[in-house]
């Protein structure tokens, strides 16, 4: 991410973002980030960005498999989180930002059918110019996910791509655990059907 020196005002979020460094430690995709209390709104957000930038970047990379796009997605997530900071800071701001990131990514899938999903084991290689290993298998998974209803797709992404627990997914999306379980089961069945028969349309 670009380093922007000027502090943010009421209409600017970006200055709270420092240069991103990828740490081996720090909060994971599903861990909470606490807001620094007793600070100004800008200082709170700056501290949040420092704590959340790596787990959010890792989540973005999992969803798009491209370093540049992951950076862009992370920055867009921070921009929207900053705009809603008064609401985000009152609960779990990382969970709030993850919801924004997941929604941003899901909303672009229909327009980016050729992108791939990847795992963390490919993370480092992508940063040194991994030559778009357009693996047919991953493209097929993306195409299949695009055919799922939005609700099913979000649950599959959080539960199976981000490896979040059913309880965490339920809390993240504001759904009962039973709904997460049943929707996930139906979505996986739909994916198996679609992968077996690409002409099959998914149903909600």
N, C-alpha and C. Protein backbone atom coordinates (compact mmCIF):
# COMPACT_ATOMS: atom_id res chain seq x y z
N UNK A 1 0.83 -1.20 0.00
CA UNK A 1 0.00 0.00 0.00
C UNK A 1 0.86 1.25 0.00
N UNK A 2 0.37 2.27 -0.63
CA UNK A 2 1.14 3.51 -0.67
C UNK A 2 1.16 4.16 0.71
N UNK A 3 2.29 4.78 1.03
CA UNK A 3 2.39 5.52 2.29
C UNK A 3 1.93 6.95 2.05
N UNK A 4 0.97 7.42 2.81
CA UNK A 4 0.44 8.77 2.67
C UNK A 4 0.70 9.51 3.96
N UNK A 5 1.41 10.61 3.87
CA UNK A 5 1.93 11.25 5.06
C UNK A 5 0.93 12.11 5.81
N UNK A 6 0.01 12.78 5.12
CA UNK A 6 -0.88 13.73 5.79
C UNK A 6 -1.94 13.02 6.62
N UNK A 7 -2.24 13.48 7.82
CA UNK A 7 -3.27 12.84 8.64
C UNK A 7 -4.64 13.02 8.03
N UNK A 8 -5.55 12.05 8.22
CA UNK A 8 -6.87 12.15 7.60
C UNK A 8 -7.75 13.20 8.28
N UNK A 9 -8.61 13.81 7.49
CA UNK A 9 -9.64 14.66 8.05
C UNK A 9 -10.95 13.91 7.94
N UNK A 10 -12.07 14.62 8.14
CA UNK A 10 -13.37 13.95 8.15
C UNK A 10 -13.68 13.26 6.84
N UNK A 11 -13.07 13.71 5.73
CA UNK A 11 -13.38 13.09 4.44
C UNK A 11 -12.26 12.23 3.90
N UNK A 12 -11.21 12.01 4.67
CA UNK A 12 -10.06 11.26 4.15
C UNK A 12 -9.66 10.16 5.09
N UNK A 13 -9.59 8.95 4.56
CA UNK A 13 -9.23 7.77 5.35
C UNK A 13 -7.80 7.37 5.10
N UNK A 14 -7.28 7.66 3.92
CA UNK A 14 -6.08 6.99 3.45
C UNK A 14 -4.85 7.31 4.26
N UNK A 15 -4.77 8.49 4.84
CA UNK A 15 -3.56 8.86 5.56
C UNK A 15 -3.35 8.04 6.81
N UNK A 16 -4.40 7.39 7.27
CA UNK A 16 -4.25 6.54 8.45
C UNK A 16 -3.58 5.22 8.11
N UNK A 17 -3.36 4.98 6.82
CA UNK A 17 -2.78 3.71 6.40
C UNK A 17 -1.28 3.89 6.21
N UNK A 18 -0.49 3.15 6.97
CA UNK A 18 0.95 3.20 6.81
C UNK A 18 1.39 2.20 5.76
N UNK A 19 2.69 2.09 5.54
CA UNK A 19 3.20 1.11 4.60
C UNK A 19 2.93 -0.28 5.15
N UNK A 20 2.33 -1.12 4.32
CA UNK A 20 1.99 -2.47 4.78
C UNK A 20 3.24 -3.33 4.83
N UNK A 21 3.44 -4.00 5.96
CA UNK A 21 4.50 -4.98 6.07
C UNK A 21 3.85 -6.30 6.41
N UNK A 22 4.28 -7.37 5.76
CA UNK A 22 3.64 -8.67 5.97
C UNK A 22 4.35 -9.38 7.12
N UNK A 23 3.65 -9.54 8.21
CA UNK A 23 4.24 -10.15 9.40
C UNK A 23 3.87 -11.61 9.47
N UNK A 24 4.74 -12.38 10.07
CA UNK A 24 4.42 -13.79 10.27
C UNK A 24 3.46 -13.96 11.43
N UNK A 25 3.47 -12.99 12.35
CA UNK A 25 2.57 -13.06 13.49
C UNK A 25 1.51 -11.99 13.36
N UNK A 26 0.65 -11.88 14.39
CA UNK A 26 -0.41 -10.89 14.35
C UNK A 26 -1.75 -11.57 14.26
N UNK A 27 -2.84 -10.81 14.28
CA UNK A 27 -4.17 -11.41 14.27
C UNK A 27 -4.40 -12.22 13.01
N UNK A 28 -5.06 -13.35 13.16
CA UNK A 28 -5.41 -14.16 12.01
C UNK A 28 -6.70 -13.67 11.40
N UNK A 29 -7.14 -14.39 10.34
CA UNK A 29 -8.34 -13.97 9.62
C UNK A 29 -9.54 -13.87 10.54
N UNK A 30 -9.65 -14.77 11.51
CA UNK A 30 -10.84 -14.79 12.33
C UNK A 30 -10.69 -14.17 13.71
N UNK A 31 -9.53 -13.55 13.99
CA UNK A 31 -9.30 -13.01 15.33
C UNK A 31 -9.76 -11.56 15.43
N UNK A 32 -10.06 -11.15 16.66
CA UNK A 32 -10.56 -9.79 16.88
C UNK A 32 -9.40 -8.82 17.01
N UNK A 33 -9.67 -7.56 16.68
CA UNK A 33 -8.72 -6.47 16.88
C UNK A 33 -9.39 -5.46 17.77
N UNK A 34 -8.74 -5.10 18.87
CA UNK A 34 -9.34 -4.17 19.83
C UNK A 34 -9.02 -2.73 19.44
N UNK A 35 -9.99 -1.85 19.68
CA UNK A 35 -9.81 -0.43 19.41
C UNK A 35 -9.01 0.20 20.55
N UNK A 36 -8.04 1.04 20.21
CA UNK A 36 -7.27 1.77 21.21
C UNK A 36 -8.17 2.84 21.81
N UNK A 37 -8.37 2.80 23.11
CA UNK A 37 -9.25 3.78 23.75
C UNK A 37 -8.44 4.98 24.24
N UNK A 38 -9.14 6.07 24.50
CA UNK A 38 -8.48 7.27 25.00
C UNK A 38 -7.69 8.00 23.93
N UNK A 39 -8.01 7.72 22.64
CA UNK A 39 -7.30 8.38 21.55
C UNK A 39 -8.31 9.12 20.69
N UNK A 40 -7.79 9.96 19.78
CA UNK A 40 -8.68 10.65 18.85
C UNK A 40 -9.21 9.64 17.84
N UNK A 41 -10.22 10.05 17.08
CA UNK A 41 -10.81 9.18 16.06
C UNK A 41 -9.75 8.76 15.05
N UNK A 42 -8.90 9.69 14.64
CA UNK A 42 -7.85 9.39 13.67
C UNK A 42 -6.83 8.42 14.27
N UNK A 43 -6.44 8.65 15.53
CA UNK A 43 -5.46 7.77 16.17
C UNK A 43 -6.02 6.37 16.34
N UNK A 44 -7.30 6.29 16.69
CA UNK A 44 -7.95 4.98 16.81
C UNK A 44 -7.88 4.23 15.48
N UNK A 45 -8.25 4.93 14.41
CA UNK A 45 -8.28 4.26 13.11
C UNK A 45 -6.88 3.90 12.63
N UNK A 46 -5.92 4.79 12.90
CA UNK A 46 -4.54 4.49 12.52
C UNK A 46 -4.05 3.21 13.22
N UNK A 47 -4.37 3.08 14.51
CA UNK A 47 -3.97 1.88 15.26
C UNK A 47 -4.70 0.65 14.72
N UNK A 48 -5.96 0.82 14.36
CA UNK A 48 -6.72 -0.29 13.79
C UNK A 48 -6.11 -0.75 12.48
N UNK A 49 -5.75 0.21 11.61
CA UNK A 49 -5.15 -0.14 10.32
C UNK A 49 -3.86 -0.93 10.54
N UNK A 50 -3.06 -0.48 11.47
CA UNK A 50 -1.78 -1.16 11.73
C UNK A 50 -2.01 -2.60 12.18
N UNK A 51 -3.04 -2.81 13.02
CA UNK A 51 -3.31 -4.16 13.54
C UNK A 51 -4.03 -5.04 12.52
N UNK A 52 -4.85 -4.42 11.66
CA UNK A 52 -5.74 -5.21 10.80
C UNK A 52 -5.24 -5.38 9.38
N UNK A 53 -4.23 -4.63 8.96
CA UNK A 53 -3.86 -4.64 7.55
C UNK A 53 -3.38 -6.01 7.07
N UNK A 54 -2.64 -6.73 7.90
CA UNK A 54 -2.15 -8.04 7.47
C UNK A 54 -3.25 -9.09 7.38
N UNK A 55 -4.09 -9.27 8.44
CA UNK A 55 -5.16 -10.26 8.30
C UNK A 55 -6.13 -9.93 7.18
N UNK A 56 -6.41 -8.65 6.94
CA UNK A 56 -7.32 -8.28 5.86
C UNK A 56 -6.66 -8.53 4.51
N UNK A 57 -5.36 -8.24 4.41
CA UNK A 57 -4.66 -8.51 3.15
C UNK A 57 -4.64 -10.01 2.86
N UNK A 58 -4.38 -10.80 3.88
CA UNK A 58 -4.35 -12.25 3.69
C UNK A 58 -5.72 -12.76 3.23
N UNK A 59 -6.78 -12.22 3.80
CA UNK A 59 -8.13 -12.60 3.39
C UNK A 59 -8.37 -12.20 1.94
N UNK A 60 -7.96 -10.98 1.59
CA UNK A 60 -8.14 -10.50 0.22
C UNK A 60 -7.37 -11.37 -0.76
N UNK A 61 -6.15 -11.74 -0.37
CA UNK A 61 -5.33 -12.57 -1.26
C UNK A 61 -5.95 -13.95 -1.44
N UNK A 62 -6.52 -14.48 -0.38
CA UNK A 62 -7.21 -15.77 -0.48
C UNK A 62 -8.33 -15.71 -1.50
N UNK A 63 -9.01 -14.58 -1.56
CA UNK A 63 -10.18 -14.46 -2.40
C UNK A 63 -9.88 -14.12 -3.84
N UNK A 64 -8.73 -13.47 -4.11
CA UNK A 64 -8.47 -13.09 -5.50
C UNK A 64 -7.20 -13.69 -6.08
N UNK A 65 -6.26 -14.13 -5.23
CA UNK A 65 -5.06 -14.80 -5.73
C UNK A 65 -4.10 -13.89 -6.48
N UNK A 66 -4.20 -12.59 -6.28
CA UNK A 66 -3.34 -11.65 -6.99
C UNK A 66 -2.91 -10.56 -6.02
N UNK A 67 -1.59 -10.30 -5.96
CA UNK A 67 -1.07 -9.35 -4.97
C UNK A 67 -1.59 -7.94 -5.17
N UNK A 68 -1.61 -7.47 -6.42
CA UNK A 68 -2.06 -6.11 -6.70
C UNK A 68 -3.54 -5.96 -6.38
N UNK A 69 -4.35 -6.91 -6.84
CA UNK A 69 -5.78 -6.85 -6.56
C UNK A 69 -6.07 -6.95 -5.07
N UNK A 70 -5.27 -7.77 -4.36
CA UNK A 70 -5.45 -7.90 -2.91
C UNK A 70 -5.17 -6.57 -2.22
N UNK A 71 -4.13 -5.86 -2.66
CA UNK A 71 -3.84 -4.53 -2.12
C UNK A 71 -5.00 -3.58 -2.37
N UNK A 72 -5.51 -3.59 -3.61
CA UNK A 72 -6.61 -2.69 -3.96
C UNK A 72 -7.86 -3.00 -3.12
N UNK A 73 -8.12 -4.29 -2.96
CA UNK A 73 -9.30 -4.70 -2.20
C UNK A 73 -9.16 -4.31 -0.73
N UNK A 74 -7.95 -4.46 -0.18
CA UNK A 74 -7.71 -4.09 1.21
C UNK A 74 -7.87 -2.58 1.39
N UNK A 75 -7.34 -1.80 0.46
CA UNK A 75 -7.48 -0.35 0.56
C UNK A 75 -8.94 0.08 0.47
N UNK A 76 -9.69 -0.54 -0.45
CA UNK A 76 -11.11 -0.21 -0.57
C UNK A 76 -11.86 -0.56 0.71
N UNK A 77 -11.45 -1.66 1.34
CA UNK A 77 -12.07 -2.07 2.60
C UNK A 77 -11.81 -1.04 3.69
N UNK A 78 -10.56 -0.56 3.80
CA UNK A 78 -10.25 0.46 4.80
C UNK A 78 -11.00 1.76 4.51
N UNK A 79 -11.15 2.10 3.25
CA UNK A 79 -11.87 3.33 2.90
C UNK A 79 -13.31 3.26 3.41
N UNK A 80 -13.97 2.14 3.15
CA UNK A 80 -15.36 2.01 3.58
C UNK A 80 -15.47 1.90 5.10
N UNK A 81 -14.49 1.25 5.71
CA UNK A 81 -14.50 1.12 7.17
C UNK A 81 -14.32 2.49 7.81
N UNK A 82 -13.44 3.31 7.24
CA UNK A 82 -13.22 4.66 7.76
C UNK A 82 -14.50 5.48 7.70
N UNK A 83 -15.22 5.35 6.59
CA UNK A 83 -16.46 6.11 6.43
C UNK A 83 -17.49 5.73 7.48
N UNK A 84 -17.42 4.47 7.92
CA UNK A 84 -18.40 3.99 8.90
C UNK A 84 -17.75 3.76 10.26
N UNK A 85 -16.62 4.44 10.53
CA UNK A 85 -15.84 4.15 11.73
C UNK A 85 -16.63 4.33 13.02
N UNK A 86 -17.52 5.30 13.07
CA UNK A 86 -18.28 5.52 14.30
C UNK A 86 -19.12 4.29 14.65
N UNK A 87 -19.57 3.56 13.65
CA UNK A 87 -20.32 2.32 13.89
C UNK A 87 -19.38 1.14 14.08
N UNK A 88 -18.34 1.06 13.24
CA UNK A 88 -17.43 -0.09 13.26
C UNK A 88 -16.69 -0.20 14.60
N UNK A 89 -16.29 0.93 15.18
CA UNK A 89 -15.47 0.92 16.38
C UNK A 89 -16.23 0.43 17.61
N UNK A 90 -17.56 0.48 17.59
CA UNK A 90 -18.35 0.12 18.76
C UNK A 90 -18.42 -1.38 19.00
N UNK A 91 -18.16 -2.17 17.97
CA UNK A 91 -18.19 -3.63 18.14
C UNK A 91 -16.81 -4.21 17.89
N UNK A 92 -16.74 -5.17 16.97
CA UNK A 92 -15.46 -5.75 16.55
C UNK A 92 -15.13 -5.14 15.19
N UNK A 93 -14.24 -4.15 15.14
CA UNK A 93 -13.98 -3.47 13.86
C UNK A 93 -13.38 -4.38 12.80
N UNK A 94 -12.62 -5.41 13.23
CA UNK A 94 -12.05 -6.33 12.24
C UNK A 94 -13.16 -7.15 11.59
N UNK A 95 -14.10 -7.61 12.39
CA UNK A 95 -15.23 -8.37 11.84
C UNK A 95 -16.03 -7.48 10.90
N UNK A 96 -16.19 -6.22 11.27
CA UNK A 96 -16.92 -5.26 10.43
C UNK A 96 -16.19 -5.10 9.09
N UNK A 97 -14.87 -4.95 9.16
CA UNK A 97 -14.08 -4.78 7.94
C UNK A 97 -14.07 -6.05 7.10
N UNK A 98 -14.04 -7.21 7.75
CA UNK A 98 -14.07 -8.47 6.99
C UNK A 98 -15.38 -8.61 6.23
N UNK A 99 -16.48 -8.19 6.84
CA UNK A 99 -17.77 -8.24 6.14
C UNK A 99 -17.74 -7.35 4.89
N UNK A 100 -17.15 -6.16 5.05
CA UNK A 100 -17.04 -5.25 3.91
C UNK A 100 -16.19 -5.88 2.82
N UNK A 101 -15.05 -6.44 3.21
CA UNK A 101 -14.14 -7.04 2.24
C UNK A 101 -14.81 -8.19 1.49
N UNK A 102 -15.48 -9.07 2.23
CA UNK A 102 -16.15 -10.21 1.61
C UNK A 102 -17.23 -9.74 0.64
N UNK A 103 -17.98 -8.73 1.05
CA UNK A 103 -19.03 -8.20 0.18
C UNK A 103 -18.46 -7.56 -1.08
N UNK A 104 -17.36 -6.80 -0.92
CA UNK A 104 -16.72 -6.18 -2.07
C UNK A 104 -16.25 -7.23 -3.06
N UNK A 105 -15.63 -8.28 -2.53
CA UNK A 105 -15.09 -9.32 -3.41
C UNK A 105 -16.21 -10.10 -4.09
N UNK A 106 -17.22 -10.46 -3.33
CA UNK A 106 -18.34 -11.21 -3.88
C UNK A 106 -19.04 -10.40 -4.97
N UNK A 107 -19.19 -9.11 -4.72
CA UNK A 107 -19.89 -8.26 -5.68
C UNK A 107 -19.13 -8.11 -7.00
N UNK A 108 -17.81 -8.36 -6.99
CA UNK A 108 -17.03 -8.22 -8.23
C UNK A 108 -16.85 -9.54 -8.95
N UNK A 109 -17.20 -10.65 -8.33
CA UNK A 109 -16.96 -11.95 -8.97
C UNK A 109 -17.65 -12.07 -10.32
N UNK A 110 -18.85 -11.53 -10.42
CA UNK A 110 -19.58 -11.65 -11.68
C UNK A 110 -18.87 -10.91 -12.82
N UNK A 111 -18.05 -9.92 -12.47
CA UNK A 111 -17.35 -9.15 -13.49
C UNK A 111 -15.92 -9.62 -13.69
N UNK A 112 -15.47 -10.56 -12.91
CA UNK A 112 -14.06 -10.99 -12.98
C UNK A 112 -13.99 -12.51 -13.01
N UNK A 113 -14.63 -13.11 -13.95
CA UNK A 113 -14.75 -14.56 -14.00
C UNK A 113 -13.41 -15.27 -14.22
N UNK A 114 -12.40 -14.58 -14.72
CA UNK A 114 -11.15 -15.25 -15.04
C UNK A 114 -10.17 -15.27 -13.88
N UNK A 115 -10.51 -14.60 -12.76
CA UNK A 115 -9.60 -14.60 -11.62
C UNK A 115 -9.64 -15.93 -10.90
N UNK A 116 -8.60 -16.20 -10.12
CA UNK A 116 -8.51 -17.48 -9.43
C UNK A 116 -8.60 -17.30 -7.93
N UNK A 117 -9.04 -18.36 -7.27
CA UNK A 117 -8.97 -18.43 -5.81
C UNK A 117 -7.70 -19.18 -5.48
N UNK A 118 -7.04 -18.81 -4.41
CA UNK A 118 -5.80 -19.47 -4.08
C UNK A 118 -5.69 -19.67 -2.59
N UNK A 119 -4.71 -20.41 -2.16
CA UNK A 119 -4.49 -20.66 -0.75
C UNK A 119 -3.29 -19.89 -0.24
N UNK A 120 -3.10 -19.87 1.07
CA UNK A 120 -1.99 -19.12 1.65
C UNK A 120 -0.64 -19.70 1.24
N UNK A 121 -0.59 -20.96 0.84
CA UNK A 121 0.68 -21.55 0.45
C UNK A 121 1.22 -20.93 -0.84
N UNK A 122 0.35 -20.24 -1.61
CA UNK A 122 0.80 -19.59 -2.84
C UNK A 122 1.13 -18.12 -2.61
N UNK A 123 0.95 -17.65 -1.38
CA UNK A 123 1.06 -16.22 -1.06
C UNK A 123 2.41 -15.64 -1.47
N UNK A 124 3.51 -16.23 -1.03
CA UNK A 124 4.82 -15.66 -1.29
C UNK A 124 5.18 -15.69 -2.77
N UNK A 125 4.86 -16.78 -3.44
CA UNK A 125 5.20 -16.89 -4.84
C UNK A 125 4.53 -15.82 -5.69
N UNK A 126 3.30 -15.48 -5.33
CA UNK A 126 2.57 -14.48 -6.11
C UNK A 126 3.25 -13.13 -6.06
N UNK A 127 3.95 -12.85 -4.96
CA UNK A 127 4.57 -11.54 -4.80
C UNK A 127 5.85 -11.41 -5.61
N UNK A 128 6.35 -12.50 -6.16
CA UNK A 128 7.55 -12.41 -6.97
C UNK A 128 7.21 -12.70 -8.43
N UNK A 129 5.99 -12.38 -8.82
CA UNK A 129 5.61 -12.46 -10.22
C UNK A 129 5.14 -13.82 -10.67
N UNK A 130 4.40 -14.51 -9.83
CA UNK A 130 3.81 -15.79 -10.19
C UNK A 130 3.06 -15.62 -11.50
N UNK A 131 3.44 -16.32 -12.60
CA UNK A 131 2.87 -16.06 -13.92
C UNK A 131 1.47 -16.62 -14.08
N UNK A 132 0.51 -15.96 -13.54
CA UNK A 132 -0.92 -16.28 -13.67
C UNK A 132 -1.16 -17.73 -14.01
N UNK A 133 -0.92 -18.57 -13.01
CA UNK A 133 -1.12 -20.00 -13.22
C UNK A 133 -2.62 -20.24 -13.32
N UNK A 134 -3.16 -19.98 -14.50
CA UNK A 134 -4.62 -20.02 -14.68
C UNK A 134 -5.09 -21.46 -14.65
N UNK A 135 -4.95 -22.07 -13.52
CA UNK A 135 -5.30 -23.48 -13.37
C UNK A 135 -6.79 -23.67 -13.66
N UNK A 136 -7.08 -24.57 -14.59
CA UNK A 136 -8.47 -24.80 -15.01
C UNK A 136 -9.35 -25.18 -13.84
N UNK A 137 -8.77 -25.92 -12.88
CA UNK A 137 -9.55 -26.36 -11.73
C UNK A 137 -10.06 -25.17 -10.93
N UNK A 138 -9.18 -24.20 -10.69
CA UNK A 138 -9.59 -23.04 -9.91
C UNK A 138 -10.60 -22.20 -10.67
N UNK A 139 -10.42 -22.06 -11.97
CA UNK A 139 -11.38 -21.32 -12.76
C UNK A 139 -12.76 -21.97 -12.68
N UNK A 140 -12.75 -23.30 -12.66
CA UNK A 140 -14.02 -24.03 -12.57
C UNK A 140 -14.70 -23.75 -11.24
N UNK A 141 -13.89 -23.68 -10.16
CA UNK A 141 -14.45 -23.39 -8.84
C UNK A 141 -15.05 -22.00 -8.82
N UNK A 142 -14.35 -21.02 -9.41
CA UNK A 142 -14.86 -19.66 -9.44
C UNK A 142 -16.16 -19.61 -10.23
N UNK A 143 -16.19 -20.26 -11.37
CA UNK A 143 -17.41 -20.26 -12.18
C UNK A 143 -18.56 -20.90 -11.42
N UNK A 144 -18.24 -21.97 -10.70
CA UNK A 144 -19.29 -22.64 -9.93
C UNK A 144 -19.80 -21.73 -8.81
N UNK A 145 -18.89 -21.05 -8.12
CA UNK A 145 -19.29 -20.13 -7.06
C UNK A 145 -20.18 -19.01 -7.60
N UNK A 146 -19.88 -18.56 -8.81
CA UNK A 146 -20.68 -17.48 -9.41
C UNK A 146 -22.12 -17.89 -9.64
N UNK A 147 -22.36 -19.19 -9.76
CA UNK A 147 -23.72 -19.67 -10.01
C UNK A 147 -24.52 -19.83 -8.73
N UNK A 148 -23.84 -19.77 -7.59
CA UNK A 148 -24.56 -19.88 -6.32
C UNK A 148 -25.28 -18.58 -5.99
N UNK A 149 -26.42 -18.66 -5.31
CA UNK A 149 -27.06 -17.44 -4.79
C UNK A 149 -26.10 -16.73 -3.84
N UNK A 150 -26.23 -15.42 -3.74
CA UNK A 150 -25.29 -14.62 -2.94
C UNK A 150 -25.16 -15.14 -1.51
N UNK A 151 -26.28 -15.45 -0.88
CA UNK A 151 -26.25 -15.92 0.52
C UNK A 151 -25.41 -17.19 0.64
N UNK A 152 -25.62 -18.14 -0.26
CA UNK A 152 -24.84 -19.38 -0.22
C UNK A 152 -23.37 -19.10 -0.48
N UNK A 153 -23.10 -18.22 -1.44
CA UNK A 153 -21.71 -17.92 -1.81
C UNK A 153 -20.95 -17.32 -0.64
N UNK A 154 -21.58 -16.39 0.07
CA UNK A 154 -20.91 -15.76 1.21
C UNK A 154 -20.57 -16.79 2.28
N UNK A 155 -21.50 -17.68 2.55
CA UNK A 155 -21.27 -18.69 3.58
C UNK A 155 -20.16 -19.64 3.17
N UNK A 156 -20.14 -20.04 1.90
CA UNK A 156 -19.08 -20.93 1.41
C UNK A 156 -17.72 -20.25 1.52
N UNK A 157 -17.66 -18.98 1.14
CA UNK A 157 -16.39 -18.26 1.20
C UNK A 157 -15.88 -18.18 2.64
N UNK A 158 -16.73 -17.75 3.55
CA UNK A 158 -16.29 -17.59 4.93
C UNK A 158 -16.01 -18.93 5.61
N UNK A 159 -16.89 -19.90 5.38
CA UNK A 159 -16.77 -21.18 6.09
C UNK A 159 -15.67 -22.06 5.51
N UNK A 160 -15.59 -22.15 4.20
CA UNK A 160 -14.70 -23.15 3.59
C UNK A 160 -13.45 -22.57 2.95
N UNK A 161 -13.50 -21.33 2.47
CA UNK A 161 -12.30 -20.73 1.91
C UNK A 161 -11.48 -20.02 2.98
N UNK A 162 -12.17 -19.41 3.94
CA UNK A 162 -11.47 -18.71 5.02
C UNK A 162 -11.37 -19.56 6.28
N UNK A 163 -11.97 -20.75 6.24
CA UNK A 163 -11.86 -21.71 7.34
C UNK A 163 -12.36 -21.16 8.67
N UNK A 164 -13.43 -20.36 8.62
CA UNK A 164 -14.03 -19.85 9.84
C UNK A 164 -15.00 -20.89 10.39
N UNK A 165 -15.18 -20.91 11.69
CA UNK A 165 -16.11 -21.86 12.31
C UNK A 165 -17.54 -21.47 11.97
N UNK A 166 -18.46 -22.43 12.13
CA UNK A 166 -19.87 -22.13 11.87
C UNK A 166 -20.37 -21.02 12.79
N UNK A 167 -19.90 -21.04 14.04
CA UNK A 167 -20.31 -20.00 14.99
C UNK A 167 -19.81 -18.63 14.54
N UNK A 168 -18.56 -18.58 14.06
CA UNK A 168 -18.01 -17.30 13.61
C UNK A 168 -18.73 -16.79 12.36
N UNK A 169 -19.04 -17.71 11.44
CA UNK A 169 -19.77 -17.31 10.24
C UNK A 169 -21.14 -16.77 10.61
N UNK A 170 -21.80 -17.47 11.54
CA UNK A 170 -23.13 -17.04 11.99
C UNK A 170 -23.07 -15.63 12.58
N UNK A 171 -22.05 -15.39 13.43
CA UNK A 171 -21.90 -14.07 14.04
C UNK A 171 -21.56 -13.03 12.98
N UNK A 172 -20.72 -13.41 12.04
CA UNK A 172 -20.27 -12.50 10.99
C UNK A 172 -21.43 -12.02 10.12
N UNK A 173 -22.34 -12.94 9.79
CA UNK A 173 -23.43 -12.62 8.87
C UNK A 173 -24.75 -12.33 9.58
N UNK A 174 -24.75 -12.46 10.92
CA UNK A 174 -25.97 -12.21 11.67
C UNK A 174 -27.04 -13.25 11.41
N UNK A 175 -26.62 -14.52 11.32
CA UNK A 175 -27.55 -15.61 11.04
C UNK A 175 -27.49 -16.65 12.16
N UNK A 176 -28.56 -17.43 12.35
CA UNK A 176 -28.50 -18.54 13.30
C UNK A 176 -27.52 -19.60 12.80
N UNK A 177 -26.88 -20.31 13.73
CA UNK A 177 -25.94 -21.35 13.33
C UNK A 177 -26.63 -22.41 12.48
N UNK A 178 -27.88 -22.72 12.82
CA UNK A 178 -28.61 -23.71 12.05
C UNK A 178 -28.76 -23.32 10.59
N UNK A 179 -28.96 -22.03 10.35
CA UNK A 179 -29.07 -21.53 8.98
C UNK A 179 -27.74 -21.67 8.25
N UNK A 180 -26.65 -21.38 8.96
CA UNK A 180 -25.32 -21.51 8.35
C UNK A 180 -25.07 -22.97 7.97
N UNK A 181 -25.41 -23.89 8.88
CA UNK A 181 -25.18 -25.31 8.61
C UNK A 181 -25.99 -25.78 7.41
N UNK A 182 -27.28 -25.48 7.41
CA UNK A 182 -28.15 -25.97 6.34
C UNK A 182 -27.81 -25.30 5.00
N UNK A 183 -27.51 -23.99 5.03
CA UNK A 183 -27.17 -23.29 3.80
C UNK A 183 -25.85 -23.77 3.24
N UNK A 184 -24.88 -24.01 4.12
CA UNK A 184 -23.58 -24.52 3.69
C UNK A 184 -23.72 -25.89 3.06
N UNK A 185 -24.54 -26.74 3.67
CA UNK A 185 -24.75 -28.09 3.15
C UNK A 185 -25.39 -28.03 1.76
N UNK A 186 -26.41 -27.17 1.60
CA UNK A 186 -27.06 -27.04 0.30
C UNK A 186 -26.10 -26.47 -0.74
N UNK A 187 -25.29 -25.49 -0.31
CA UNK A 187 -24.36 -24.86 -1.24
C UNK A 187 -23.31 -25.84 -1.74
N UNK A 188 -22.78 -26.66 -0.83
CA UNK A 188 -21.77 -27.65 -1.25
C UNK A 188 -22.37 -28.68 -2.18
N UNK A 189 -23.62 -29.07 -1.92
CA UNK A 189 -24.30 -30.01 -2.81
C UNK A 189 -24.48 -29.39 -4.19
N UNK A 190 -24.85 -28.09 -4.21
CA UNK A 190 -25.00 -27.38 -5.47
C UNK A 190 -23.67 -27.31 -6.22
N UNK A 191 -22.60 -27.02 -5.48
CA UNK A 191 -21.28 -26.93 -6.11
C UNK A 191 -20.87 -28.27 -6.72
N UNK A 192 -21.14 -29.36 -5.99
CA UNK A 192 -20.80 -30.68 -6.53
C UNK A 192 -21.57 -30.95 -7.80
N UNK A 193 -22.85 -30.56 -7.81
CA UNK A 193 -23.68 -30.77 -8.99
C UNK A 193 -23.17 -29.92 -10.16
N UNK A 194 -22.86 -28.66 -9.87
CA UNK A 194 -22.39 -27.76 -10.92
C UNK A 194 -21.06 -28.24 -11.49
N UNK A 195 -20.15 -28.68 -10.59
CA UNK A 195 -18.84 -29.13 -11.05
C UNK A 195 -18.96 -30.40 -11.89
N UNK A 196 -19.97 -31.22 -11.57
CA UNK A 196 -20.19 -32.45 -12.32
C UNK A 196 -20.88 -32.17 -13.64
N UNK A 197 -21.86 -31.24 -13.57
CA UNK A 197 -22.63 -30.88 -14.76
C UNK A 197 -22.64 -29.36 -14.88
N UNK A 198 -21.66 -28.78 -15.60
CA UNK A 198 -21.52 -27.33 -15.69
C UNK A 198 -22.75 -26.61 -16.21
N UNK A 199 -23.65 -27.32 -16.89
CA UNK A 199 -24.84 -26.69 -17.42
C UNK A 199 -25.94 -26.55 -16.39
N UNK A 200 -25.73 -27.12 -15.21
CA UNK A 200 -26.74 -27.09 -14.16
C UNK A 200 -26.75 -25.75 -13.45
N UNK A 201 -27.92 -25.13 -13.33
CA UNK A 201 -28.05 -23.85 -12.62
C UNK A 201 -28.30 -24.11 -11.14
N UNK A 202 -27.75 -23.25 -10.29
CA UNK A 202 -27.96 -23.38 -8.84
C UNK A 202 -29.30 -22.79 -8.46
N UNK A 203 -29.87 -23.32 -7.38
CA UNK A 203 -31.13 -22.77 -6.86
C UNK A 203 -30.90 -22.31 -5.45
N UNK A 204 -31.67 -21.33 -4.98
CA UNK A 204 -31.47 -20.77 -3.63
C UNK A 204 -32.00 -21.71 -2.59
